[in-house]
């Protein structure tokens, strides 16, 4: 029998648009309802981006926050990378 290990509730969706970029960046923030982690919120984004000095698109290792505000701040900090991105790729787990 399988035991439920995590449950998430979508609490916020944010769209970001950049000049000279056809893609719309979408961020989602989830409330972690059931987890063994101390974090209460996490975020996902539909695209990852690469800066010029990076080999590949950077995938954040800790897209979490103790509050919705901290999770949103972390998401926005990542999205700001698109201002200087040289390319981007789809997040297949979005």
PDB file of N, CA and C in Angstrom:
ATOM      1  N   UNK A   1       0.841  -1.183   0.000  1.00  0.00           N
ATOM      2  CA  UNK A   1       0.000   0.000   0.000  1.00  0.00           C
ATOM      3  C   UNK A   1       0.886   1.247   0.000  1.00  0.00           C
ATOM      4  N   UNK A   2       0.544   2.222  -0.812  1.00  0.00           N
ATOM      5  CA  UNK A   2       1.316   3.465  -0.883  1.00  0.00           C
ATOM      6  C   UNK A   2       0.801   4.450   0.138  1.00  0.00           C
ATOM      7  N   UNK A   3       1.745   5.167   0.741  1.00  0.00           N
ATOM      8  CA  UNK A   3       1.397   6.199   1.708  1.00  0.00           C
ATOM      9  C   UNK A   3       1.660   7.568   1.088  1.00  0.00           C
ATOM     10  N   UNK A   4       0.724   8.499   1.250  1.00  0.00           N
ATOM     11  CA  UNK A   4       0.881   9.859   0.734  1.00  0.00           C
ATOM     12  C   UNK A   4       2.053  10.523   1.450  1.00  0.00           C
ATOM     13  N   UNK A   5       3.016  11.027   0.675  1.00  0.00           N
ATOM     14  CA  UNK A   5       4.211  11.614   1.281  1.00  0.00           C
ATOM     15  C   UNK A   5       4.269  13.128   1.141  1.00  0.00           C
ATOM     16  N   UNK A   6       3.524  13.689   0.184  1.00  0.00           N
ATOM     17  CA  UNK A   6       3.530  15.134   0.002  1.00  0.00           C
ATOM     18  C   UNK A   6       2.246  15.566  -0.675  1.00  0.00           C
ATOM     19  N   UNK A   7       1.757  16.733  -0.274  1.00  0.00           N
ATOM     20  CA  UNK A   7       0.566  17.322  -0.889  1.00  0.00           C
ATOM     21  C   UNK A   7       0.824  18.812  -1.021  1.00  0.00           C
ATOM     22  N   UNK A   8       0.522  19.373  -2.188  1.00  0.00           N
ATOM     23  CA  UNK A   8       0.756  20.787  -2.456  1.00  0.00           C
ATOM     24  C   UNK A   8      -0.533  21.455  -2.909  1.00  0.00           C
ATOM     25  N   UNK A   9      -0.678  22.723  -2.534  1.00  0.00           N
ATOM     26  CA  UNK A   9      -1.842  23.513  -2.935  1.00  0.00           C
ATOM     27  C   UNK A   9      -1.353  24.753  -3.667  1.00  0.00           C
ATOM     28  N   UNK A  10      -1.795  24.934  -4.904  1.00  0.00           N
ATOM     29  CA  UNK A  10      -1.402  26.100  -5.691  1.00  0.00           C
ATOM     30  C   UNK A  10      -2.017  27.351  -5.068  1.00  0.00           C
ATOM     31  N   UNK A  11      -1.162  28.332  -4.727  1.00  0.00           N
ATOM     32  CA  UNK A  11      -1.664  29.540  -4.069  1.00  0.00           C
ATOM     33  C   UNK A  11      -1.448  30.805  -4.890  1.00  0.00           C
ATOM     34  N   UNK A  12      -0.539  30.758  -5.881  1.00  0.00           N
ATOM     35  CA  UNK A  12      -0.282  31.965  -6.651  1.00  0.00           C
ATOM     36  C   UNK A  12       0.371  31.609  -7.981  1.00  0.00           C
ATOM     37  N   UNK A  13      -0.070  32.321  -9.034  1.00  0.00           N
ATOM     38  CA  UNK A  13       0.531  32.199 -10.356  1.00  0.00           C
ATOM     39  C   UNK A  13       0.931  33.603 -10.789  1.00  0.00           C
ATOM     40  N   UNK A  14       2.169  33.745 -11.262  1.00  0.00           N
ATOM     41  CA  UNK A  14       2.669  35.051 -11.689  1.00  0.00           C
ATOM     42  C   UNK A  14       3.227  34.908 -13.104  1.00  0.00           C
ATOM     43  N   UNK A  15       2.839  35.823 -13.998  1.00  0.00           N
ATOM     44  CA  UNK A  15       3.376  35.848 -15.352  1.00  0.00           C
ATOM     45  C   UNK A  15       4.380  36.980 -15.469  1.00  0.00           C
ATOM     46  N   UNK A  16       5.474  36.697 -16.149  1.00  0.00           N
ATOM     47  CA  UNK A  16       6.526  37.682 -16.384  1.00  0.00           C
ATOM     48  C   UNK A  16       6.755  37.779 -17.890  1.00  0.00           C
ATOM     49  N   UNK A  17       6.841  38.992 -18.397  1.00  0.00           N
ATOM     50  CA  UNK A  17       7.101  39.218 -19.820  1.00  0.00           C
ATOM     51  C   UNK A  17       8.325  40.111 -19.955  1.00  0.00           C
ATOM     52  N   UNK A  18       9.155  39.781 -20.941  1.00  0.00           N
ATOM     53  CA  UNK A  18      10.368  40.548 -21.203  1.00  0.00           C
ATOM     54  C   UNK A  18      10.366  41.029 -22.644  1.00  0.00           C
ATOM     55  N   UNK A  19      10.894  42.233 -22.866  1.00  0.00           N
ATOM     56  CA  UNK A  19      11.075  42.746 -24.216  1.00  0.00           C
ATOM     57  C   UNK A  19      11.970  41.793 -24.999  1.00  0.00           C
ATOM     58  N   UNK A  20      11.694  41.648 -26.273  1.00  0.00           N
ATOM     59  CA  UNK A  20      12.497  40.828 -27.181  1.00  0.00           C
ATOM     60  C   UNK A  20      12.520  39.351 -26.802  1.00  0.00           C
ATOM     61  N   UNK A  21      11.474  38.914 -26.120  1.00  0.00           N
ATOM     62  CA  UNK A  21      11.352  37.502 -25.748  1.00  0.00           C
ATOM     63  C   UNK A  21       9.895  37.106 -25.953  1.00  0.00           C
ATOM     64  N   UNK A  22       9.659  36.161 -26.858  1.00  0.00           N
ATOM     65  CA  UNK A  22       8.291  35.752 -27.159  1.00  0.00           C
ATOM     66  C   UNK A  22       7.663  34.924 -26.035  1.00  0.00           C
ATOM     67  N   UNK A  23       8.480  34.148 -25.343  1.00  0.00           N
ATOM     68  CA  UNK A  23       7.976  33.271 -24.307  1.00  0.00           C
ATOM     69  C   UNK A  23       7.492  34.088 -23.095  1.00  0.00           C
ATOM     70  N   UNK A  24       6.462  33.605 -22.459  1.00  0.00           N
ATOM     71  CA  UNK A  24       5.978  34.185 -21.205  1.00  0.00           C
ATOM     72  C   UNK A  24       6.503  33.292 -20.085  1.00  0.00           C
ATOM     73  N   UNK A  25       7.188  33.888 -19.136  1.00  0.00           N
ATOM     74  CA  UNK A  25       7.705  33.144 -17.996  1.00  0.00           C
ATOM     75  C   UNK A  25       6.582  33.061 -16.964  1.00  0.00           C
ATOM     76  N   UNK A  26       6.287  31.848 -16.542  1.00  0.00           N
ATOM     77  CA  UNK A  26       5.219  31.631 -15.570  1.00  0.00           C
ATOM     78  C   UNK A  26       5.814  30.988 -14.328  1.00  0.00           C
ATOM     79  N   UNK A  27       5.553  31.616 -13.195  1.00  0.00           N
ATOM     80  CA  UNK A  27       5.971  31.069 -11.910  1.00  0.00           C
ATOM     81  C   UNK A  27       4.750  30.677 -11.105  1.00  0.00           C
ATOM     82  N   UNK A  28       4.846  29.561 -10.417  1.00  0.00           N
ATOM     83  CA  UNK A  28       3.759  29.090  -9.562  1.00  0.00           C
ATOM     84  C   UNK A  28       4.302  28.878  -8.155  1.00  0.00           C
ATOM     85  N   UNK A  29       3.538  29.313  -7.181  1.00  0.00           N
ATOM     86  CA  UNK A  29       3.913  29.115  -5.785  1.00  0.00           C
ATOM     87  C   UNK A  29       2.894  28.174  -5.153  1.00  0.00           C
ATOM     88  N   UNK A  30       3.415  27.172  -4.484  1.00  0.00           N
ATOM     89  CA  UNK A  30       2.582  26.160  -3.852  1.00  0.00           C
ATOM     90  C   UNK A  30       2.753  26.200  -2.334  1.00  0.00           C
ATOM     91  N   UNK A  31       1.683  25.999  -1.632  1.00  0.00           N
ATOM     92  CA  UNK A  31       1.740  25.765  -0.187  1.00  0.00           C
ATOM     93  C   UNK A  31       1.921  24.267  -0.018  1.00  0.00           C
ATOM     94  N   UNK A  32       2.945  23.892   0.738  1.00  0.00           N
ATOM     95  CA  UNK A  32       3.207  22.475   0.989  1.00  0.00           C
ATOM     96  C   UNK A  32       2.344  22.067   2.179  1.00  0.00           C
ATOM     97  N   UNK A  33       1.296  21.326   1.902  1.00  0.00           N
ATOM     98  CA  UNK A  33       0.317  20.965   2.926  1.00  0.00           C
ATOM     99  C   UNK A  33       0.812  19.802   3.771  1.00  0.00           C
ATOM    100  N   UNK A  34       1.388  18.824   3.116  1.00  0.00           N
ATOM    101  CA  UNK A  34       1.860  17.635   3.814  1.00  0.00           C
ATOM    102  C   UNK A  34       3.293  17.363   3.378  1.00  0.00           C
ATOM    103  N   UNK A  35       4.224  17.436   4.315  1.00  0.00           N
ATOM    104  CA  UNK A  35       5.627  17.164   4.003  1.00  0.00           C
ATOM    105  C   UNK A  35       6.387  16.903   5.290  1.00  0.00           C
ATOM    106  N   UNK A  36       7.550  16.331   5.165  1.00  0.00           N
ATOM    107  CA  UNK A  36       8.428  16.154   6.315  1.00  0.00           C
ATOM    108  C   UNK A  36       9.444  17.286   6.398  1.00  0.00           C
ATOM    109  N   UNK A  37       9.420  18.191   5.436  1.00  0.00           N
ATOM    110  CA  UNK A  37      10.352  19.313   5.391  1.00  0.00           C
ATOM    111  C   UNK A  37       9.885  20.445   6.300  1.00  0.00           C
ATOM    112  N   UNK A  38      10.825  21.317   6.678  1.00  0.00           N
ATOM    113  CA  UNK A  38      10.489  22.511   7.459  1.00  0.00           C
ATOM    114  C   UNK A  38       9.884  23.600   6.580  1.00  0.00           C
ATOM    115  N   UNK A  39      10.145  23.549   5.271  1.00  0.00           N
ATOM    116  CA  UNK A  39       9.636  24.565   4.362  1.00  0.00           C
ATOM    117  C   UNK A  39       8.133  24.413   4.191  1.00  0.00           C
ATOM    118  N   UNK A  40       7.448  25.538   4.072  1.00  0.00           N
ATOM    119  CA  UNK A  40       5.989  25.538   3.927  1.00  0.00           C
ATOM    120  C   UNK A  40       5.532  25.926   2.530  1.00  0.00           C
ATOM    121  N   UNK A  41       6.462  26.493   1.711  1.00  0.00           N
ATOM    122  CA  UNK A  41       6.113  26.923   0.357  1.00  0.00           C
ATOM    123  C   UNK A  41       7.235  26.547  -0.597  1.00  0.00           C
ATOM    124  N   UNK A  42       6.874  26.315  -1.849  1.00  0.00           N
ATOM    125  CA  UNK A  42       7.858  26.057  -2.894  1.00  0.00           C
ATOM    126  C   UNK A  42       7.354  26.666  -4.183  1.00  0.00           C
ATOM    127  N   UNK A  43       8.262  26.860  -5.124  1.00  0.00           N
ATOM    128  CA  UNK A  43       7.877  27.445  -6.404  1.00  0.00           C
ATOM    129  C   UNK A  43       8.426  26.632  -7.557  1.00  0.00           C
ATOM    130  N   UNK A  44       7.750  26.797  -8.696  1.00  0.00           N
ATOM    131  CA  UNK A  44       8.180  26.196  -9.959  1.00  0.00           C
ATOM    132  C   UNK A  44       8.128  27.279 -11.019  1.00  0.00           C
ATOM    133  N   UNK A  45       8.908  27.085 -12.059  1.00  0.00           N
ATOM    134  CA  UNK A  45       8.953  28.035 -13.166  1.00  0.00           C
ATOM    135  C   UNK A  45       8.944  27.236 -14.466  1.00  0.00           C
ATOM    136  N   UNK A  46       8.337  27.787 -15.519  1.00  0.00           N
ATOM    137  CA  UNK A  46       8.184  27.022 -16.755  1.00  0.00           C
ATOM    138  C   UNK A  46       9.422  27.045 -17.662  1.00  0.00           C
ATOM    139  N   UNK A  47      10.366  27.958 -17.412  1.00  0.00           N
ATOM    140  CA  UNK A  47      11.614  28.018 -18.177  1.00  0.00           C
ATOM    141  C   UNK A  47      12.788  28.216 -17.225  1.00  0.00           C
ATOM    142  N   UNK A  48      13.911  27.636 -17.584  1.00  0.00           N
ATOM    143  CA  UNK A  48      15.174  27.915 -16.901  1.00  0.00           C
ATOM    144  C   UNK A  48      16.051  28.706 -17.869  1.00  0.00           C
ATOM    145  N   UNK A  49      16.931  29.528 -17.338  1.00  0.00           N
ATOM    146  CA  UNK A  49      17.763  30.331 -18.227  1.00  0.00           C
ATOM    147  C   UNK A  49      19.246  30.150 -17.924  1.00  0.00           C
ATOM    148  N   UNK A  50      20.033  30.557 -18.917  1.00  0.00           N
ATOM    149  CA  UNK A  50      21.496  30.468 -18.830  1.00  0.00           C
ATOM    150  C   UNK A  50      22.080  31.852 -19.059  1.00  0.00           C
ATOM    151  N   UNK A  51      22.994  32.224 -18.183  1.00  0.00           N
ATOM    152  CA  UNK A  51      23.750  33.455 -18.361  1.00  0.00           C
ATOM    153  C   UNK A  51      24.997  33.146 -19.190  1.00  0.00           C
ATOM    154  N   UNK A  52      25.616  34.161 -19.735  1.00  0.00           N
ATOM    155  CA  UNK A  52      26.729  33.974 -20.663  1.00  0.00           C
ATOM    156  C   UNK A  52      27.869  33.132 -20.074  1.00  0.00           C
ATOM    157  N   UNK A  53      28.187  33.335 -18.812  1.00  0.00           N
ATOM    158  CA  UNK A  53      29.318  32.621 -18.223  1.00  0.00           C
ATOM    159  C   UNK A  53      28.975  31.200 -17.763  1.00  0.00           C
ATOM    160  N   UNK A  54      27.742  30.778 -17.923  1.00  0.00           N
ATOM    161  CA  UNK A  54      27.313  29.449 -17.477  1.00  0.00           C
ATOM    162  C   UNK A  54      27.317  28.463 -18.638  1.00  0.00           C
ATOM    163  N   UNK A  55      27.595  27.216 -18.329  1.00  0.00           N
ATOM    164  CA  UNK A  55      27.648  26.160 -19.334  1.00  0.00           C
ATOM    165  C   UNK A  55      26.250  25.748 -19.790  1.00  0.00           C
ATOM    166  N   UNK A  56      25.306  25.700 -18.844  1.00  0.00           N
ATOM    167  CA  UNK A  56      23.947  25.253 -19.129  1.00  0.00           C
ATOM    168  C   UNK A  56      22.980  26.102 -18.312  1.00  0.00           C
ATOM    169  N   UNK A  57      21.699  25.955 -18.586  1.00  0.00           N
ATOM    170  CA  UNK A  57      20.684  26.689 -17.826  1.00  0.00           C
ATOM    171  C   UNK A  57      20.770  26.299 -16.360  1.00  0.00           C
ATOM    172  N   UNK A  58      20.698  27.289 -15.514  1.00  0.00           N
ATOM    173  CA  UNK A  58      20.779  27.066 -14.064  1.00  0.00           C
ATOM    174  C   UNK A  58      19.417  26.621 -13.540  1.00  0.00           C
ATOM    175  N   UNK A  59      19.399  25.473 -12.867  1.00  0.00           N
ATOM    176  CA  UNK A  59      18.198  24.950 -12.219  1.00  0.00           C
ATOM    177  C   UNK A  59      18.376  25.168 -10.717  1.00  0.00           C
ATOM    178  N   UNK A  60      17.534  26.001 -10.113  1.00  0.00           N
ATOM    179  CA  UNK A  60      17.712  26.286  -8.683  1.00  0.00           C
ATOM    180  C   UNK A  60      17.563  25.032  -7.830  1.00  0.00           C
ATOM    181  N   UNK A  61      18.453  24.893  -6.880  1.00  0.00           N
ATOM    182  CA  UNK A  61      18.451  23.713  -6.027  1.00  0.00           C
ATOM    183  C   UNK A  61      17.551  23.825  -4.820  1.00  0.00           C
ATOM    184  N   UNK A  62      17.126  25.024  -4.494  1.00  0.00           N
ATOM    185  CA  UNK A  62      16.304  25.209  -3.306  1.00  0.00           C
ATOM    186  C   UNK A  62      15.174  26.208  -3.566  1.00  0.00           C
ATOM    187  N   UNK A  63      14.179  25.798  -4.352  1.00  0.00           N
ATOM    188  CA  UNK A  63      13.075  26.707  -4.663  1.00  0.00           C
ATOM    189  C   UNK A  63      12.000  26.696  -3.565  1.00  0.00           C
ATOM    190  N   UNK A  64      12.415  27.025  -2.352  1.00  0.00           N
ATOM    191  CA  UNK A  64      11.524  26.917  -1.194  1.00  0.00           C
ATOM    192  C   UNK A  64      11.523  28.211  -0.396  1.00  0.00           C
ATOM    193  N   UNK A  65      10.556  28.306   0.509  1.00  0.00           N
ATOM    194  CA  UNK A  65      10.496  29.421   1.434  1.00  0.00           C
ATOM    195  C   UNK A  65       9.702  29.039   2.672  1.00  0.00           C
ATOM    196  N   UNK A  66      10.062  29.634   3.794  1.00  0.00           N
ATOM    197  CA  UNK A  66       9.319  29.377   5.022  1.00  0.00           C
ATOM    198  C   UNK A  66       7.971  30.087   5.012  1.00  0.00           C
ATOM    199  N   UNK A  67       7.880  31.178   4.220  1.00  0.00           N
ATOM    200  CA  UNK A  67       6.633  31.922   4.067  1.00  0.00           C
ATOM    201  C   UNK A  67       6.368  32.108   2.583  1.00  0.00           C
ATOM    202  N   UNK A  68       5.148  32.484   2.237  1.00  0.00           N
ATOM    203  CA  UNK A  68       4.829  32.739   0.830  1.00  0.00           C
ATOM    204  C   UNK A  68       5.653  33.915   0.313  1.00  0.00           C
ATOM    205  N   UNK A  69       5.901  34.907   1.164  1.00  0.00           N
ATOM    206  CA  UNK A  69       6.693  36.073   0.763  1.00  0.00           C
ATOM    207  C   UNK A  69       8.129  35.682   0.424  1.00  0.00           C
ATOM    208  N   UNK A  70       8.719  34.810   1.234  1.00  0.00           N
ATOM    209  CA  UNK A  70      10.090  34.371   0.966  1.00  0.00           C
ATOM    210  C   UNK A  70      10.165  33.509  -0.295  1.00  0.00           C
ATOM    211  N   UNK A  71       9.167  32.678  -0.515  1.00  0.00           N
ATOM    212  CA  UNK A  71       9.141  31.867  -1.730  1.00  0.00           C
ATOM    213  C   UNK A  71       8.987  32.769  -2.957  1.00  0.00           C
ATOM    214  N   UNK A  72       8.123  33.771  -2.859  1.00  0.00           N
ATOM    215  CA  UNK A  72       7.931  34.690  -3.983  1.00  0.00           C
ATOM    216  C   UNK A  72       9.189  35.500  -4.251  1.00  0.00           C
ATOM    217  N   UNK A  73       9.862  35.932  -3.212  1.00  0.00           N
ATOM    218  CA  UNK A  73      11.116  36.680  -3.387  1.00  0.00           C
ATOM    219  C   UNK A  73      12.165  35.818  -4.086  1.00  0.00           C
ATOM    220  N   UNK A  74      12.252  34.558  -3.683  1.00  0.00           N
ATOM    221  CA  UNK A  74      13.195  33.638  -4.317  1.00  0.00           C
ATOM    222  C   UNK A  74      12.854  33.436  -5.794  1.00  0.00           C
ATOM    223  N   UNK A  75      11.584  33.273  -6.108  1.00  0.00           N
ATOM    224  CA  UNK A  75      11.138  33.136  -7.493  1.00  0.00           C
ATOM    225  C   UNK A  75      11.505  34.384  -8.303  1.00  0.00           C
ATOM    226  N   UNK A  76      11.202  35.556  -7.782  1.00  0.00           N
ATOM    227  CA  UNK A  76      11.483  36.799  -8.497  1.00  0.00           C
ATOM    228  C   UNK A  76      12.981  36.992  -8.695  1.00  0.00           C
ATOM    229  N   UNK A  77      13.771  36.621  -7.705  1.00  0.00           N
ATOM    230  CA  UNK A  77      15.232  36.708  -7.865  1.00  0.00           C
ATOM    231  C   UNK A  77      15.705  35.840  -9.024  1.00  0.00           C
ATOM    232  N   UNK A  78      15.109  34.653  -9.156  1.00  0.00           N
ATOM    233  CA  UNK A  78      15.486  33.810 -10.287  1.00  0.00           C
ATOM    234  C   UNK A  78      15.026  34.436 -11.604  1.00  0.00           C
ATOM    235  N   UNK A  79      13.814  34.942 -11.645  1.00  0.00           N
ATOM    236  CA  UNK A  79      13.266  35.528 -12.869  1.00  0.00           C
ATOM    237  C   UNK A  79      14.110  36.710 -13.339  1.00  0.00           C
ATOM    238  N   UNK A  80      14.697  37.458 -12.434  1.00  0.00           N
ATOM    239  CA  UNK A  80      15.541  38.595 -12.813  1.00  0.00           C
ATOM    240  C   UNK A  80      16.729  38.163 -13.670  1.00  0.00           C
ATOM    241  N   UNK A  81      17.127  36.900 -13.572  1.00  0.00           N
ATOM    242  CA  UNK A  81      18.219  36.382 -14.399  1.00  0.00           C
ATOM    243  C   UNK A  81      17.895  36.494 -15.891  1.00  0.00           C
ATOM    244  N   UNK A  82      16.607  36.438 -16.238  1.00  0.00           N
ATOM    245  CA  UNK A  82      16.213  36.504 -17.640  1.00  0.00           C
ATOM    246  C   UNK A  82      16.577  37.837 -18.278  1.00  0.00           C
ATOM    247  N   UNK A  83      16.779  38.878 -17.483  1.00  0.00           N
ATOM    248  CA  UNK A  83      17.189  40.174 -18.019  1.00  0.00           C
ATOM    249  C   UNK A  83      18.528  40.085 -18.737  1.00  0.00           C
ATOM    250  N   UNK A  84      19.387  39.149 -18.310  1.00  0.00           N
ATOM    251  CA  UNK A  84      20.723  38.987 -18.890  1.00  0.00           C
ATOM    252  C   UNK A  84      20.932  37.606 -19.508  1.00  0.00           C
ATOM    253  N   UNK A  85      19.865  36.855 -19.672  1.00  0.00           N
ATOM    254  CA  UNK A  85      19.986  35.487 -20.186  1.00  0.00           C
ATOM    255  C   UNK A  85      20.391  35.478 -21.654  1.00  0.00           C
ATOM    256  N   UNK A  86      21.249  34.528 -22.012  1.00  0.00           N
ATOM    257  CA  UNK A  86      21.634  34.359 -23.410  1.00  0.00           C
ATOM    258  C   UNK A  86      20.768  33.298 -24.084  1.00  0.00           C
ATOM    259  N   UNK A  87      20.206  32.395 -23.300  1.00  0.00           N
ATOM    260  CA  UNK A  87      19.214  31.455 -23.808  1.00  0.00           C
ATOM    261  C   UNK A  87      18.450  30.830 -22.648  1.00  0.00           C
ATOM    262  N   UNK A  88      17.458  30.041 -22.986  1.00  0.00           N
ATOM    263  CA  UNK A  88      16.592  29.437 -21.963  1.00  0.00           C
ATOM    264  C   UNK A  88      16.047  28.134 -22.518  1.00  0.00           C
ATOM    265  N   UNK A  89      15.567  27.307 -21.585  1.00  0.00           N
ATOM    266  CA  UNK A  89      14.985  26.021 -21.999  1.00  0.00           C
ATOM    267  C   UNK A  89      13.762  25.736 -21.150  1.00  0.00           C
ATOM    268  N   UNK A  90      12.883  24.938 -21.722  1.00  0.00           N
ATOM    269  CA  UNK A  90      11.635  24.562 -21.066  1.00  0.00           C
ATOM    270  C   UNK A  90      11.920  23.685 -19.860  1.00  0.00           C
ATOM    271  N   UNK A  91      11.213  23.934 -18.781  1.00  0.00           N
ATOM    272  CA  UNK A  91      11.250  23.063 -17.610  1.00  0.00           C
ATOM    273  C   UNK A  91      10.223  21.967 -17.863  1.00  0.00           C
ATOM    274  N   UNK A  92      10.685  20.782 -18.139  1.00  0.00           N
ATOM    275  CA  UNK A  92       9.792  19.667 -18.462  1.00  0.00           C
ATOM    276  C   UNK A  92       9.011  19.147 -17.267  1.00  0.00           C
ATOM    277  N   UNK A  93       9.316  19.654 -16.082  1.00  0.00           N
ATOM    278  CA  UNK A  93       8.612  19.230 -14.863  1.00  0.00           C
ATOM    279  C   UNK A  93       7.669  20.305 -14.355  1.00  0.00           C
ATOM    280  N   UNK A  94       7.345  21.253 -15.219  1.00  0.00           N
ATOM    281  CA  UNK A  94       6.459  22.336 -14.835  1.00  0.00           C
ATOM    282  C   UNK A  94       5.024  21.833 -14.860  1.00  0.00           C
TER     283      UNK A  94
END
